[in-house]
């Protein structure tokens, strides 16, 4: 009997010890998981293996959403994700000319052919930088001050904001003699047209004369700069209120396309977001319809609020490739 009782007690003791060990292992495992979770939360991307990813994002997380990193968490060691417009873009031409980038655009820069796509790329990429027309800015991105001056109507008019250019239309000799072409241009340069320029851009003539409706009819083909295109859409809509018998067909394609197609007569009016070159002015007559700045833009999560022209040039030529080098 005593021997049987001893065996039962020994079994109960063994079971108790096994239960205790199980609890201890479970507790240790729980702490290990918590540690892994904390490490993920404290990483700006949640994935340390993506540190050198040019896109700056893990799993393409939209930085404007709930998962956007706070400024204090911005990982400045990350590679700068560079987006630029294509050759032939008036915005690119003005940007590289004023900043001194010239033909030395960094080979790693991703080329984008549409303004809206540039905005989307910068919005979705935490470590991105690019440039767009000031008239195209939205709160999806952050515009930087340049040499201590923020882009605005006032700073564009007084010239203190250095990244600025004209928005213009151009016509060849045949179009210059077309009454409908000249009437639409007269509208753009009138008080009514300049008021439209002032809605998102900067007017070129604050004392422009009023427009008198002509009762014109016919069709116009307008093409070129995607930066000028939104302005032209508004001009067209307002003009057609005065002249409902007119149809205006508007297409993009870039400033280079607008200039070449207006020279050849494929379109009636070309749109350009850069000044015409000397050889182009020999073939075309141009009219400045608005002034516009070129805004250097970053993702809203980026704590940087301004740069010098030299810093911008260094980034877009590839001399500076990480945010930590910007200062």
C-alpha atoms as a PDB file:
ATOM      1  CA  UNK A   1       0.000   0.000   0.000  1.00  0.00           C
ATOM      2  CA  UNK A   2       2.764   2.451   1.005  1.00  0.00           C
ATOM      3  CA  UNK A   3       4.661   1.597  -2.166  1.00  0.00           C
ATOM      4  CA  UNK A   4       1.556   2.257  -4.345  1.00  0.00           C
ATOM      5  CA  UNK A   5       0.898   5.565  -2.617  1.00  0.00           C
ATOM      6  CA  UNK A   6       4.502   6.634  -3.216  1.00  0.00           C
ATOM      7  CA  UNK A   7       4.157   5.869  -6.923  1.00  0.00           C
ATOM      8  CA  UNK A   8       0.950   7.949  -7.200  1.00  0.00           C
ATOM      9  CA  UNK A   9       2.589  10.924  -5.430  1.00  0.00           C
ATOM     10  CA  UNK A  10       5.638  10.693  -7.706  1.00  0.00           C
ATOM     11  CA  UNK A  11       3.416  10.755 -10.798  1.00  0.00           C
ATOM     12  CA  UNK A  12       1.488  13.785  -9.526  1.00  0.00           C
ATOM     13  CA  UNK A  13       4.754  15.638  -8.837  1.00  0.00           C
ATOM     14  CA  UNK A  14       6.044  14.882 -12.346  1.00  0.00           C
ATOM     15  CA  UNK A  15       2.828  16.183 -13.941  1.00  0.00           C
ATOM     16  CA  UNK A  16       3.052  19.384 -11.888  1.00  0.00           C
ATOM     17  CA  UNK A  17       6.625  19.988 -13.059  1.00  0.00           C
ATOM     18  CA  UNK A  18       5.669  19.429 -16.705  1.00  0.00           C
ATOM     19  CA  UNK A  19       2.814  21.974 -16.451  1.00  0.00           C
ATOM     20  CA  UNK A  20       5.157  24.576 -14.963  1.00  0.00           C
ATOM     21  CA  UNK A  21       7.658  24.101 -17.806  1.00  0.00           C
ATOM     22  CA  UNK A  22       4.871  24.557 -20.363  1.00  0.00           C
ATOM     23  CA  UNK A  23       3.821  27.860 -18.810  1.00  0.00           C
ATOM     24  CA  UNK A  24       7.419  29.088 -18.820  1.00  0.00           C
ATOM     25  CA  UNK A  25       7.915  28.236 -22.525  1.00  0.00           C
ATOM     26  CA  UNK A  26       4.630  29.918 -23.423  1.00  0.00           C
ATOM     27  CA  UNK A  27       5.658  33.086 -21.575  1.00  0.00           C
ATOM     28  CA  UNK A  28       9.054  33.162 -23.264  1.00  0.00           C
ATOM     29  CA  UNK A  29       7.471  32.680 -26.683  1.00  0.00           C
ATOM     30  CA  UNK A  30       5.060  35.572 -26.093  1.00  0.00           C
ATOM     31  CA  UNK A  31       7.891  37.919 -25.241  1.00  0.00           C
ATOM     32  CA  UNK A  32       9.728  36.914 -28.405  1.00  0.00           C
ATOM     33  CA  UNK A  33       6.722  37.803 -30.582  1.00  0.00           C
ATOM     34  CA  UNK A  34       6.299  41.134 -28.880  1.00  0.00           C
ATOM     35  CA  UNK A  35       9.928  41.905 -29.557  1.00  0.00           C
ATOM     36  CA  UNK A  36       9.527  41.123 -33.236  1.00  0.00           C
ATOM     37  CA  UNK A  37       6.447  43.354 -33.442  1.00  0.00           C
ATOM     38  CA  UNK A  38       8.210  46.248 -31.744  1.00  0.00           C
ATOM     39  CA  UNK A  39      11.162  45.973 -34.108  1.00  0.00           C
ATOM     40  CA  UNK A  40       8.789  46.216 -37.058  1.00  0.00           C
ATOM     41  CA  UNK A  41       6.984  49.257 -35.623  1.00  0.00           C
ATOM     42  CA  UNK A  42      10.232  51.098 -34.910  1.00  0.00           C
ATOM     43  CA  UNK A  43      11.516  50.626 -38.463  1.00  0.00           C
ATOM     44  CA  UNK A  44      10.388  53.513 -40.737  1.00  0.00           C
ATOM     45  CA  UNK A  45       9.377  51.048 -43.419  1.00  0.00           C
ATOM     46  CA  UNK A  46       8.723  47.991 -41.268  1.00  0.00           C
ATOM     47  CA  UNK A  47      11.265  46.175 -43.446  1.00  0.00           C
ATOM     48  CA  UNK A  48      14.951  46.756 -42.807  1.00  0.00           C
ATOM     49  CA  UNK A  49      15.905  44.908 -45.981  1.00  0.00           C
ATOM     50  CA  UNK A  50      14.404  47.755 -48.043  1.00  0.00           C
ATOM     51  CA  UNK A  51      16.851  50.382 -46.704  1.00  0.00           C
ATOM     52  CA  UNK A  52      18.456  50.890 -50.098  1.00  0.00           C
ATOM     53  CA  UNK A  53      15.268  50.712 -52.153  1.00  0.00           C
ATOM     54  CA  UNK A  54      15.132  53.767 -54.469  1.00  0.00           C
ATOM     55  CA  UNK A  55      11.345  53.796 -54.281  1.00  0.00           C
ATOM     56  CA  UNK A  56      11.541  54.496 -50.577  1.00  0.00           C
ATOM     57  CA  UNK A  57       8.526  52.338 -49.856  1.00  0.00           C
ATOM     58  CA  UNK A  58       7.992  48.825 -48.518  1.00  0.00           C
ATOM     59  CA  UNK A  59       5.030  47.121 -50.204  1.00  0.00           C
ATOM     60  CA  UNK A  60       4.257  50.427 -52.034  1.00  0.00           C
ATOM     61  CA  UNK A  61       2.409  51.817 -49.008  1.00  0.00           C
ATOM     62  CA  UNK A  62       0.696  55.105 -49.862  1.00  0.00           C
ATOM     63  CA  UNK A  63       2.486  57.677 -47.721  1.00  0.00           C
ATOM     64  CA  UNK A  64      -0.570  59.904 -47.569  1.00  0.00           C
ATOM     65  CA  UNK A  65      -2.558  57.241 -45.739  1.00  0.00           C
ATOM     66  CA  UNK A  66      -2.697  56.230 -42.088  1.00  0.00           C
ATOM     67  CA  UNK A  67       0.665  54.461 -42.368  1.00  0.00           C
ATOM     68  CA  UNK A  68       2.625  57.564 -43.413  1.00  0.00           C
ATOM     69  CA  UNK A  69       5.676  58.042 -41.161  1.00  0.00           C
ATOM     70  CA  UNK A  70       5.806  61.039 -38.855  1.00  0.00           C
ATOM     71  CA  UNK A  71       8.525  63.616 -39.548  1.00  0.00           C
ATOM     72  CA  UNK A  72      10.525  62.368 -36.533  1.00  0.00           C
ATOM     73  CA  UNK A  73      10.529  58.871 -38.064  1.00  0.00           C
ATOM     74  CA  UNK A  74      11.699  59.968 -41.540  1.00  0.00           C
ATOM     75  CA  UNK A  75      14.708  57.824 -42.424  1.00  0.00           C
ATOM     76  CA  UNK A  76      17.141  60.262 -44.019  1.00  0.00           C
ATOM     77  CA  UNK A  77      19.570  57.452 -44.804  1.00  0.00           C
ATOM     78  CA  UNK A  78      17.273  56.264 -47.592  1.00  0.00           C
ATOM     79  CA  UNK A  79      18.123  56.775 -51.264  1.00  0.00           C
ATOM     80  CA  UNK A  80      16.334  59.737 -52.870  1.00  0.00           C
ATOM     81  CA  UNK A  81      13.707  58.576 -55.375  1.00  0.00           C
ATOM     82  CA  UNK A  82      14.093  60.946 -58.321  1.00  0.00           C
ATOM     83  CA  UNK A  83      11.331  61.639 -60.863  1.00  0.00           C
ATOM     84  CA  UNK A  84      11.719  63.950 -63.851  1.00  0.00           C
ATOM     85  CA  UNK A  85       9.780  65.013 -66.938  1.00  0.00           C
ATOM     86  CA  UNK A  86      10.694  63.786 -70.412  1.00  0.00           C
ATOM     87  CA  UNK A  87      12.874  65.535 -73.001  1.00  0.00           C
ATOM     88  CA  UNK A  88      10.705  68.037 -74.856  1.00  0.00           C
ATOM     89  CA  UNK A  89       8.739  69.003 -71.748  1.00  0.00           C
ATOM     90  CA  UNK A  90       8.659  72.769 -71.231  1.00  0.00           C
ATOM     91  CA  UNK A  91       8.621  72.239 -67.477  1.00  0.00           C
ATOM     92  CA  UNK A  92      11.798  70.153 -67.687  1.00  0.00           C
ATOM     93  CA  UNK A  93      13.435  72.647 -70.032  1.00  0.00           C
ATOM     94  CA  UNK A  94      12.755  75.548 -67.674  1.00  0.00           C
ATOM     95  CA  UNK A  95      13.794  73.528 -64.616  1.00  0.00           C
ATOM     96  CA  UNK A  96      17.150  72.290 -65.950  1.00  0.00           C
ATOM     97  CA  UNK A  97      17.974  75.707 -67.386  1.00  0.00           C
ATOM     98  CA  UNK A  98      17.322  77.700 -64.200  1.00  0.00           C
ATOM     99  CA  UNK A  99      18.813  75.191 -61.751  1.00  0.00           C
ATOM    100  CA  UNK A 100      21.927  74.540 -63.837  1.00  0.00           C
ATOM    101  CA  UNK A 101      21.189  70.825 -64.256  1.00  0.00           C
ATOM    102  CA  UNK A 102      21.368  71.270 -68.027  1.00  0.00           C
ATOM    103  CA  UNK A 103      21.986  68.001 -69.819  1.00  0.00           C
ATOM    104  CA  UNK A 104      23.430  66.309 -66.740  1.00  0.00           C
ATOM    105  CA  UNK A 105      20.178  64.848 -65.411  1.00  0.00           C
ATOM    106  CA  UNK A 106      20.994  61.847 -63.184  1.00  0.00           C
ATOM    107  CA  UNK A 107      20.695  58.612 -65.142  1.00  0.00           C
ATOM    108  CA  UNK A 108      18.767  56.974 -62.267  1.00  0.00           C
ATOM    109  CA  UNK A 109      15.973  59.566 -62.510  1.00  0.00           C
ATOM    110  CA  UNK A 110      12.672  57.951 -63.542  1.00  0.00           C
ATOM    111  CA  UNK A 111      11.209  59.756 -66.565  1.00  0.00           C
ATOM    112  CA  UNK A 112       7.485  60.589 -66.388  1.00  0.00           C
ATOM    113  CA  UNK A 113       5.587  62.183 -69.276  1.00  0.00           C
ATOM    114  CA  UNK A 114       2.524  63.567 -67.471  1.00  0.00           C
ATOM    115  CA  UNK A 115       2.142  66.140 -64.701  1.00  0.00           C
ATOM    116  CA  UNK A 116      -0.578  64.176 -62.903  1.00  0.00           C
ATOM    117  CA  UNK A 117       1.566  61.050 -62.893  1.00  0.00           C
ATOM    118  CA  UNK A 118       4.450  63.025 -61.353  1.00  0.00           C
ATOM    119  CA  UNK A 119       2.099  64.164 -58.566  1.00  0.00           C
ATOM    120  CA  UNK A 120       0.918  60.589 -57.996  1.00  0.00           C
ATOM    121  CA  UNK A 121       4.459  59.193 -57.855  1.00  0.00           C
ATOM    122  CA  UNK A 122       5.578  61.779 -55.276  1.00  0.00           C
ATOM    123  CA  UNK A 123       2.389  61.300 -53.255  1.00  0.00           C
ATOM    124  CA  UNK A 124       2.919  57.546 -53.097  1.00  0.00           C
ATOM    125  CA  UNK A 125       6.698  57.531 -52.546  1.00  0.00           C
ATOM    126  CA  UNK A 126       7.913  58.721 -49.130  1.00  0.00           C
ATOM    127  CA  UNK A 127      11.466  59.524 -50.257  1.00  0.00           C
ATOM    128  CA  UNK A 128      10.644  61.109 -53.634  1.00  0.00           C
ATOM    129  CA  UNK A 129      11.474  64.479 -55.154  1.00  0.00           C
ATOM    130  CA  UNK A 130      10.356  66.001 -58.461  1.00  0.00           C
ATOM    131  CA  UNK A 131       9.054  69.248 -59.959  1.00  0.00           C
ATOM    132  CA  UNK A 132       5.775  70.475 -61.473  1.00  0.00           C
ATOM    133  CA  UNK A 133       4.093  73.677 -62.530  1.00  0.00           C
ATOM    134  CA  UNK A 134       3.023  75.797 -59.538  1.00  0.00           C
ATOM    135  CA  UNK A 135      -0.388  75.958 -61.198  1.00  0.00           C
ATOM    136  CA  UNK A 136      -0.634  72.165 -60.915  1.00  0.00           C
ATOM    137  CA  UNK A 137       0.100  71.958 -57.174  1.00  0.00           C
ATOM    138  CA  UNK A 138      -2.272  70.107 -54.854  1.00  0.00           C
ATOM    139  CA  UNK A 139      -2.147  69.244 -51.147  1.00  0.00           C
ATOM    140  CA  UNK A 140      -1.123  65.716 -52.146  1.00  0.00           C
ATOM    141  CA  UNK A 141       2.491  66.911 -52.236  1.00  0.00           C
ATOM    142  CA  UNK A 142       4.638  69.547 -50.506  1.00  0.00           C
ATOM    143  CA  UNK A 143       6.263  72.422 -52.418  1.00  0.00           C
ATOM    144  CA  UNK A 144       9.666  73.537 -51.116  1.00  0.00           C
ATOM    145  CA  UNK A 145      10.912  77.077 -50.755  1.00  0.00           C
ATOM    146  CA  UNK A 146      13.970  77.818 -52.908  1.00  0.00           C
ATOM    147  CA  UNK A 147      16.738  79.962 -51.443  1.00  0.00           C
ATOM    148  CA  UNK A 148      14.312  80.903 -48.691  1.00  0.00           C
ATOM    149  CA  UNK A 149      11.474  82.018 -51.017  1.00  0.00           C
ATOM    150  CA  UNK A 150       8.221  80.068 -51.347  1.00  0.00           C
ATOM    151  CA  UNK A 151       6.416  79.956 -54.719  1.00  0.00           C
ATOM    152  CA  UNK A 152       3.420  82.309 -54.846  1.00  0.00           C
ATOM    153  CA  UNK A 153       1.789  84.894 -57.114  1.00  0.00           C
ATOM    154  CA  UNK A 154       3.598  87.697 -55.302  1.00  0.00           C
ATOM    155  CA  UNK A 155       7.049  86.087 -55.460  1.00  0.00           C
ATOM    156  CA  UNK A 156       6.592  85.101 -59.103  1.00  0.00           C
ATOM    157  CA  UNK A 157       5.492  88.614 -60.104  1.00  0.00           C
ATOM    158  CA  UNK A 158       8.329  90.370 -58.234  1.00  0.00           C
ATOM    159  CA  UNK A 159      10.900  87.835 -59.456  1.00  0.00           C
ATOM    160  CA  UNK A 160      12.118  86.784 -55.996  1.00  0.00           C
ATOM    161  CA  UNK A 161      11.108  83.185 -56.670  1.00  0.00           C
ATOM    162  CA  UNK A 162      13.752  82.164 -59.164  1.00  0.00           C
ATOM    163  CA  UNK A 163      12.109  79.056 -60.660  1.00  0.00           C
ATOM    164  CA  UNK A 164       9.599  80.690 -62.985  1.00  0.00           C
ATOM    165  CA  UNK A 165       8.779  80.747 -66.690  1.00  0.00           C
ATOM    166  CA  UNK A 166       6.119  82.077 -69.115  1.00  0.00           C
ATOM    167  CA  UNK A 167       3.131  80.063 -70.276  1.00  0.00           C
ATOM    168  CA  UNK A 168       2.567  80.959 -73.899  1.00  0.00           C
ATOM    169  CA  UNK A 169       0.799  80.134 -77.130  1.00  0.00           C
ATOM    170  CA  UNK A 170       2.401  80.283 -80.551  1.00  0.00           C
ATOM    171  CA  UNK A 171       1.185  80.391 -84.154  1.00  0.00           C
ATOM    172  CA  UNK A 172       2.763  80.223 -87.605  1.00  0.00           C
ATOM    173  CA  UNK A 173       2.162  82.841 -90.292  1.00  0.00           C
ATOM    174  CA  UNK A 174      -0.928  81.109 -91.699  1.00  0.00           C
ATOM    175  CA  UNK A 175      -2.588  80.851 -88.280  1.00  0.00           C
ATOM    176  CA  UNK A 176      -1.624  84.442 -87.498  1.00  0.00           C
ATOM    177  CA  UNK A 177      -3.863  85.519 -90.377  1.00  0.00           C
ATOM    178  CA  UNK A 178      -6.805  83.373 -89.216  1.00  0.00           C
ATOM    179  CA  UNK A 179      -9.577  85.534 -87.697  1.00  0.00           C
ATOM    180  CA  UNK A 180     -10.776  82.787 -85.338  1.00  0.00           C
ATOM    181  CA  UNK A 181      -7.233  82.160 -84.060  1.00  0.00           C
ATOM    182  CA  UNK A 182      -6.679  85.852 -83.469  1.00  0.00           C
ATOM    183  CA  UNK A 183     -10.025  86.270 -81.704  1.00  0.00           C
ATOM    184  CA  UNK A 184      -9.296  83.400 -79.289  1.00  0.00           C
ATOM    185  CA  UNK A 185      -5.852  84.856 -78.559  1.00  0.00           C
ATOM    186  CA  UNK A 186      -7.459  88.275 -78.002  1.00  0.00           C
ATOM    187  CA  UNK A 187      -9.763  86.638 -75.448  1.00  0.00           C
ATOM    188  CA  UNK A 188      -6.836  85.030 -73.603  1.00  0.00           C
ATOM    189  CA  UNK A 189      -5.123  88.429 -73.374  1.00  0.00           C
ATOM    190  CA  UNK A 190      -8.307  90.275 -72.343  1.00  0.00           C
ATOM    191  CA  UNK A 191      -9.422  91.120 -68.806  1.00  0.00           C
ATOM    192  CA  UNK A 192     -11.656  88.039 -68.826  1.00  0.00           C
ATOM    193  CA  UNK A 193      -8.829  85.791 -69.972  1.00  0.00           C
ATOM    194  CA  UNK A 194      -6.344  87.245 -67.504  1.00  0.00           C
ATOM    195  CA  UNK A 195      -8.810  86.695 -64.673  1.00  0.00           C
ATOM    196  CA  UNK A 196      -8.727  83.009 -65.616  1.00  0.00           C
ATOM    197  CA  UNK A 197      -4.918  83.093 -65.564  1.00  0.00           C
ATOM    198  CA  UNK A 198      -5.067  84.478 -62.037  1.00  0.00           C
ATOM    199  CA  UNK A 199      -7.151  81.564 -60.713  1.00  0.00           C
ATOM    200  CA  UNK A 200      -4.167  79.180 -60.475  1.00  0.00           C
ATOM    201  CA  UNK A 201      -1.360  80.968 -62.265  1.00  0.00           C
ATOM    202  CA  UNK A 202      -0.162  84.590 -62.481  1.00  0.00           C
ATOM    203  CA  UNK A 203      -1.605  87.092 -64.973  1.00  0.00           C
ATOM    204  CA  UNK A 204       0.748  88.902 -67.343  1.00  0.00           C
ATOM    205  CA  UNK A 205      -1.398  92.032 -67.712  1.00  0.00           C
ATOM    206  CA  UNK A 206      -3.347  93.426 -64.759  1.00  0.00           C
ATOM    207  CA  UNK A 207      -4.811  96.221 -66.924  1.00  0.00           C
ATOM    208  CA  UNK A 208      -5.932  94.129 -69.909  1.00  0.00           C
ATOM    209  CA  UNK A 209      -8.927  95.451 -71.917  1.00  0.00           C
ATOM    210  CA  UNK A 210     -12.345  93.831 -71.774  1.00  0.00           C
ATOM    211  CA  UNK A 211     -13.280  91.283 -74.411  1.00  0.00           C
ATOM    212  CA  UNK A 212     -16.085  91.972 -76.889  1.00  0.00           C
ATOM    213  CA  UNK A 213     -17.929  88.923 -78.193  1.00  0.00           C
ATOM    214  CA  UNK A 214     -17.355  88.379 -81.906  1.00  0.00           C
ATOM    215  CA  UNK A 215     -19.929  85.695 -82.707  1.00  0.00           C
ATOM    216  CA  UNK A 216     -17.230  83.532 -84.277  1.00  0.00           C
ATOM    217  CA  UNK A 217     -17.840  79.983 -85.544  1.00  0.00           C
ATOM    218  CA  UNK A 218     -15.505  77.202 -86.574  1.00  0.00           C
ATOM    219  CA  UNK A 219     -13.006  74.724 -85.124  1.00  0.00           C
ATOM    220  CA  UNK A 220      -9.586  75.265 -83.586  1.00  0.00           C
ATOM    221  CA  UNK A 221      -6.922  72.663 -82.914  1.00  0.00           C
ATOM    222  CA  UNK A 222      -4.676  73.450 -79.944  1.00  0.00           C
ATOM    223  CA  UNK A 223      -1.875  71.207 -78.650  1.00  0.00           C
ATOM    224  CA  UNK A 224       1.360  71.063 -76.657  1.00  0.00           C
ATOM    225  CA  UNK A 225       2.388  71.614 -73.066  1.00  0.00           C
ATOM    226  CA  UNK A 226       0.572  69.577 -70.419  1.00  0.00           C
ATOM    227  CA  UNK A 227       1.322  72.392 -67.957  1.00  0.00           C
ATOM    228  CA  UNK A 228      -0.553  74.878 -70.137  1.00  0.00           C
ATOM    229  CA  UNK A 229      -3.340  72.400 -70.971  1.00  0.00           C
ATOM    230  CA  UNK A 230      -5.426  72.971 -67.776  1.00  0.00           C
ATOM    231  CA  UNK A 231      -5.254  76.733 -68.368  1.00  0.00           C
ATOM    232  CA  UNK A 232      -6.269  76.273 -71.999  1.00  0.00           C
ATOM    233  CA  UNK A 233      -9.235  74.112 -70.993  1.00  0.00           C
ATOM    234  CA  UNK A 234     -10.535  76.917 -68.784  1.00  0.00           C
ATOM    235  CA  UNK A 235      -9.870  79.530 -71.466  1.00  0.00           C
ATOM    236  CA  UNK A 236     -11.757  77.404 -74.010  1.00  0.00           C
ATOM    237  CA  UNK A 237     -14.792  76.916 -71.765  1.00  0.00           C
ATOM    238  CA  UNK A 238     -15.037  80.634 -71.005  1.00  0.00           C
ATOM    239  CA  UNK A 239     -14.505  81.643 -74.649  1.00  0.00           C
ATOM    240  CA  UNK A 240     -17.257  79.330 -75.857  1.00  0.00           C
ATOM    241  CA  UNK A 241     -19.755  81.021 -73.530  1.00  0.00           C
ATOM    242  CA  UNK A 242     -19.220  84.125 -75.665  1.00  0.00           C
ATOM    243  CA  UNK A 243     -18.950  82.161 -78.935  1.00  0.00           C
ATOM    244  CA  UNK A 244     -20.972  78.913 -78.664  1.00  0.00           C
ATOM    245  CA  UNK A 245     -20.487  78.181 -82.372  1.00  0.00           C
ATOM    246  CA  UNK A 246     -16.781  77.522 -81.861  1.00  0.00           C
ATOM    247  CA  UNK A 247     -15.285  74.077 -81.155  1.00  0.00           C
ATOM    248  CA  UNK A 248     -11.801  73.934 -79.616  1.00  0.00           C
ATOM    249  CA  UNK A 249      -9.976  70.600 -79.655  1.00  0.00           C
ATOM    250  CA  UNK A 250      -7.157  70.495 -77.086  1.00  0.00           C
ATOM    251  CA  UNK A 251      -4.427  67.843 -76.809  1.00  0.00           C
ATOM    252  CA  UNK A 252      -1.198  67.505 -74.814  1.00  0.00           C
ATOM    253  CA  UNK A 253       2.098  66.044 -75.937  1.00  0.00           C
ATOM    254  CA  UNK A 254       4.568  68.492 -74.403  1.00  0.00           C
ATOM    255  CA  UNK A 255       5.908  71.924 -75.322  1.00  0.00           C
ATOM    256  CA  UNK A 256       8.228  70.511 -77.989  1.00  0.00           C
ATOM    257  CA  UNK A 257       5.297  68.890 -79.772  1.00  0.00           C
ATOM    258  CA  UNK A 258       3.218  72.064 -79.522  1.00  0.00           C
ATOM    259  CA  UNK A 259       5.987  74.155 -81.053  1.00  0.00           C
ATOM    260  CA  UNK A 260       6.802  71.738 -83.868  1.00  0.00           C
ATOM    261  CA  UNK A 261       3.160  71.016 -84.747  1.00  0.00           C
ATOM    262  CA  UNK A 262       2.242  74.699 -84.827  1.00  0.00           C
ATOM    263  CA  UNK A 263       5.288  75.349 -87.038  1.00  0.00           C
ATOM    264  CA  UNK A 264       4.209  72.649 -89.499  1.00  0.00           C
ATOM    265  CA  UNK A 265       0.527  73.652 -89.361  1.00  0.00           C
ATOM    266  CA  UNK A 266      -0.724  70.348 -87.917  1.00  0.00           C
ATOM    267  CA  UNK A 267      -2.442  72.430 -85.216  1.00  0.00           C
ATOM    268  CA  UNK A 268      -3.653  76.038 -85.224  1.00  0.00           C
ATOM    269  CA  UNK A 269      -2.179  77.056 -81.856  1.00  0.00           C
ATOM    270  CA  UNK A 270       0.742  75.554 -79.979  1.00  0.00           C
ATOM    271  CA  UNK A 271       1.093  75.640 -76.187  1.00  0.00           C
ATOM    272  CA  UNK A 272       4.502  75.976 -74.525  1.00  0.00           C
ATOM    273  CA  UNK A 273       5.624  76.258 -70.919  1.00  0.00           C
ATOM    274  CA  UNK A 274       9.057  77.540 -71.897  1.00  0.00           C
ATOM    275  CA  UNK A 275      10.257  80.539 -73.858  1.00  0.00           C
ATOM    276  CA  UNK A 276      10.804  80.016 -77.580  1.00  0.00           C
ATOM    277  CA  UNK A 277      14.374  79.615 -78.778  1.00  0.00           C
ATOM    278  CA  UNK A 278      15.838  82.000 -81.335  1.00  0.00           C
ATOM    279  CA  UNK A 279      15.341  79.625 -84.270  1.00  0.00           C
ATOM    280  CA  UNK A 280      11.747  78.951 -83.193  1.00  0.00           C
ATOM    281  CA  UNK A 281      10.952  82.651 -83.026  1.00  0.00           C
ATOM    282  CA  UNK A 282      11.986  82.950 -86.678  1.00  0.00           C
ATOM    283  CA  UNK A 283       9.113  80.603 -87.569  1.00  0.00           C
ATOM    284  CA  UNK A 284       6.455  81.510 -84.992  1.00  0.00           C
ATOM    285  CA  UNK A 285       4.714  84.418 -83.315  1.00  0.00           C
ATOM    286  CA  UNK A 286       4.163  83.891 -79.599  1.00  0.00           C
ATOM    287  CA  UNK A 287       1.972  85.424 -76.896  1.00  0.00           C
ATOM    288  CA  UNK A 288       2.568  85.099 -73.150  1.00  0.00           C
ATOM    289  CA  UNK A 289      -0.809  84.342 -71.579  1.00  0.00           C
ATOM    290  CA  UNK A 290       0.312  83.712 -67.974  1.00  0.00           C
ATOM    291  CA  UNK A 291       3.345  83.402 -65.735  1.00  0.00           C
ATOM    292  CA  UNK A 292       4.059  80.249 -63.757  1.00  0.00           C
ATOM    293  CA  UNK A 293       6.590  78.951 -61.283  1.00  0.00           C
ATOM    294  CA  UNK A 294       8.192  75.523 -61.272  1.00  0.00           C
ATOM    295  CA  UNK A 295       7.716  73.991 -57.824  1.00  0.00           C
ATOM    296  CA  UNK A 296      10.180  71.476 -56.397  1.00  0.00           C
ATOM    297  CA  UNK A 297       7.985  68.907 -54.630  1.00  0.00           C
ATOM    298  CA  UNK A 298       8.461  66.168 -52.030  1.00  0.00           C
ATOM    299  CA  UNK A 299       6.192  63.784 -50.161  1.00  0.00           C
ATOM    300  CA  UNK A 300       4.335  65.411 -47.213  1.00  0.00           C
ATOM    301  CA  UNK A 301       6.102  62.978 -44.839  1.00  0.00           C
ATOM    302  CA  UNK A 302       9.456  64.591 -45.666  1.00  0.00           C
ATOM    303  CA  UNK A 303      10.421  67.097 -42.919  1.00  0.00           C
ATOM    304  CA  UNK A 304      12.458  69.264 -45.316  1.00  0.00           C
ATOM    305  CA  UNK A 305      10.708  72.553 -46.161  1.00  0.00           C
ATOM    306  CA  UNK A 306      13.268  74.286 -48.350  1.00  0.00           C
ATOM    307  CA  UNK A 307      16.480  73.955 -50.354  1.00  0.00           C
ATOM    308  CA  UNK A 308      19.001  76.113 -52.154  1.00  0.00           C
ATOM    309  CA  UNK A 309      19.316  76.040 -55.918  1.00  0.00           C
ATOM    310  CA  UNK A 310      22.704  74.361 -55.423  1.00  0.00           C
ATOM    311  CA  UNK A 311      21.147  71.546 -53.384  1.00  0.00           C
ATOM    312  CA  UNK A 312      18.458  70.990 -56.015  1.00  0.00           C
ATOM    313  CA  UNK A 313      21.071  70.860 -58.759  1.00  0.00           C
ATOM    314  CA  UNK A 314      23.211  68.399 -56.768  1.00  0.00           C
ATOM    315  CA  UNK A 315      20.251  66.037 -56.274  1.00  0.00           C
ATOM    316  CA  UNK A 316      19.133  66.057 -59.895  1.00  0.00           C
ATOM    317  CA  UNK A 317      22.650  65.550 -61.246  1.00  0.00           C
ATOM    318  CA  UNK A 318      23.256  62.622 -58.884  1.00  0.00           C
ATOM    319  CA  UNK A 319      25.943  64.308 -56.765  1.00  0.00           C
ATOM    320  CA  UNK A 320      23.638  63.841 -53.756  1.00  0.00           C
ATOM    321  CA  UNK A 321      21.741  60.550 -53.580  1.00  0.00           C
ATOM    322  CA  UNK A 322      20.532  60.267 -49.946  1.00  0.00           C
ATOM    323  CA  UNK A 323      18.409  62.602 -47.867  1.00  0.00           C
ATOM    324  CA  UNK A 324      21.019  62.584 -45.104  1.00  0.00           C
ATOM    325  CA  UNK A 325      23.357  64.446 -47.488  1.00  0.00           C
ATOM    326  CA  UNK A 326      20.906  67.308 -47.948  1.00  0.00           C
ATOM    327  CA  UNK A 327      21.236  68.604 -44.382  1.00  0.00           C
END
